[in-house]
């Protein structure tokens, strides 16, 4: 199964509570932090909610 490498590139300050909660659920706490998550619909939805704050790459 493919993996998604998610890196936070912008601050969560000024975002809605849903956006802050999505970042927290993804495991992102600071700018520049990277996590690897499985490519599943649940994670895709969280990434979609904060797509302007993160950079996503697909890794094998």
C-alpha atoms as a PDB file:
ATOM      1  CA  UNK A   1       0.000   0.000   0.000  1.00  0.00           C
ATOM      2  CA  UNK A   2       1.224   3.496  -0.811  1.00  0.00           C
ATOM      3  CA  UNK A   3       2.265   5.904   1.900  1.00  0.00           C
ATOM      4  CA  UNK A   4       1.810   9.666   2.090  1.00  0.00           C
ATOM      5  CA  UNK A   5       4.571  11.891   3.431  1.00  0.00           C
ATOM      6  CA  UNK A   6       2.920  14.983   4.906  1.00  0.00           C
ATOM      7  CA  UNK A   7       4.983  18.052   5.854  1.00  0.00           C
ATOM      8  CA  UNK A   8       3.555  21.115   7.569  1.00  0.00           C
ATOM      9  CA  UNK A   9       4.720  24.238   5.723  1.00  0.00           C
ATOM     10  CA  UNK A  10       2.489  26.955   7.205  1.00  0.00           C
ATOM     11  CA  UNK A  11       1.285  27.893  10.668  1.00  0.00           C
ATOM     12  CA  UNK A  12      -2.040  26.774  12.090  1.00  0.00           C
ATOM     13  CA  UNK A  13      -2.504  30.198  13.728  1.00  0.00           C
ATOM     14  CA  UNK A  14      -5.633  31.836  12.343  1.00  0.00           C
ATOM     15  CA  UNK A  15      -7.073  28.523  11.164  1.00  0.00           C
ATOM     16  CA  UNK A  16     -10.413  27.150  12.206  1.00  0.00           C
ATOM     17  CA  UNK A  17     -10.727  24.647  15.018  1.00  0.00           C
ATOM     18  CA  UNK A  18     -11.417  21.896  12.461  1.00  0.00           C
ATOM     19  CA  UNK A  19      -8.140  22.683  10.708  1.00  0.00           C
ATOM     20  CA  UNK A  20      -6.199  22.696  13.979  1.00  0.00           C
ATOM     21  CA  UNK A  21      -7.816  19.393  14.963  1.00  0.00           C
ATOM     22  CA  UNK A  22      -6.932  17.849  11.591  1.00  0.00           C
ATOM     23  CA  UNK A  23      -3.278  18.842  11.987  1.00  0.00           C
ATOM     24  CA  UNK A  24      -3.230  17.424  15.502  1.00  0.00           C
ATOM     25  CA  UNK A  25      -4.834  14.161  14.319  1.00  0.00           C
ATOM     26  CA  UNK A  26      -2.232  13.862  11.576  1.00  0.00           C
ATOM     27  CA  UNK A  27       0.466  14.224  14.231  1.00  0.00           C
ATOM     28  CA  UNK A  28       1.757  17.605  13.060  1.00  0.00           C
ATOM     29  CA  UNK A  29       2.668  20.129  15.747  1.00  0.00           C
ATOM     30  CA  UNK A  30       5.195  22.530  14.192  1.00  0.00           C
ATOM     31  CA  UNK A  31       6.266  23.925  10.843  1.00  0.00           C
ATOM     32  CA  UNK A  32       8.730  21.638   9.080  1.00  0.00           C
ATOM     33  CA  UNK A  33       7.585  18.496  10.872  1.00  0.00           C
ATOM     34  CA  UNK A  34       6.991  15.465   8.638  1.00  0.00           C
ATOM     35  CA  UNK A  35       4.889  12.361   9.225  1.00  0.00           C
ATOM     36  CA  UNK A  36       4.248   9.314   7.042  1.00  0.00           C
ATOM     37  CA  UNK A  37       0.681   8.028   6.912  1.00  0.00           C
ATOM     38  CA  UNK A  38      -0.980   5.235   4.923  1.00  0.00           C
ATOM     39  CA  UNK A  39      -2.924   6.331   1.847  1.00  0.00           C
ATOM     40  CA  UNK A  40      -6.423   5.818   3.234  1.00  0.00           C
ATOM     41  CA  UNK A  41      -9.633   7.847   2.827  1.00  0.00           C
ATOM     42  CA  UNK A  42      -9.569   8.998   6.472  1.00  0.00           C
ATOM     43  CA  UNK A  43      -6.144  10.581   6.102  1.00  0.00           C
ATOM     44  CA  UNK A  44      -6.969  11.970   2.649  1.00  0.00           C
ATOM     45  CA  UNK A  45      -9.936  13.802   4.188  1.00  0.00           C
ATOM     46  CA  UNK A  46      -7.819  15.322   6.959  1.00  0.00           C
ATOM     47  CA  UNK A  47      -5.172  16.362   4.426  1.00  0.00           C
ATOM     48  CA  UNK A  48      -7.860  17.916   2.220  1.00  0.00           C
ATOM     49  CA  UNK A  49      -9.056  20.055   5.152  1.00  0.00           C
ATOM     50  CA  UNK A  50      -5.560  21.532   5.617  1.00  0.00           C
ATOM     51  CA  UNK A  51      -4.245  21.315   2.037  1.00  0.00           C
ATOM     52  CA  UNK A  52      -3.116  24.964   2.134  1.00  0.00           C
ATOM     53  CA  UNK A  53      -0.952  24.309   5.231  1.00  0.00           C
ATOM     54  CA  UNK A  54       0.819  21.102   4.201  1.00  0.00           C
ATOM     55  CA  UNK A  55       2.872  19.591   1.368  1.00  0.00           C
ATOM     56  CA  UNK A  56       2.074  15.983   0.427  1.00  0.00           C
ATOM     57  CA  UNK A  57       4.315  13.499  -1.382  1.00  0.00           C
ATOM     58  CA  UNK A  58       3.577   9.894  -2.242  1.00  0.00           C
ATOM     59  CA  UNK A  59       6.234   7.380  -1.185  1.00  0.00           C
ATOM     60  CA  UNK A  60       6.381   3.628  -1.729  1.00  0.00           C
END
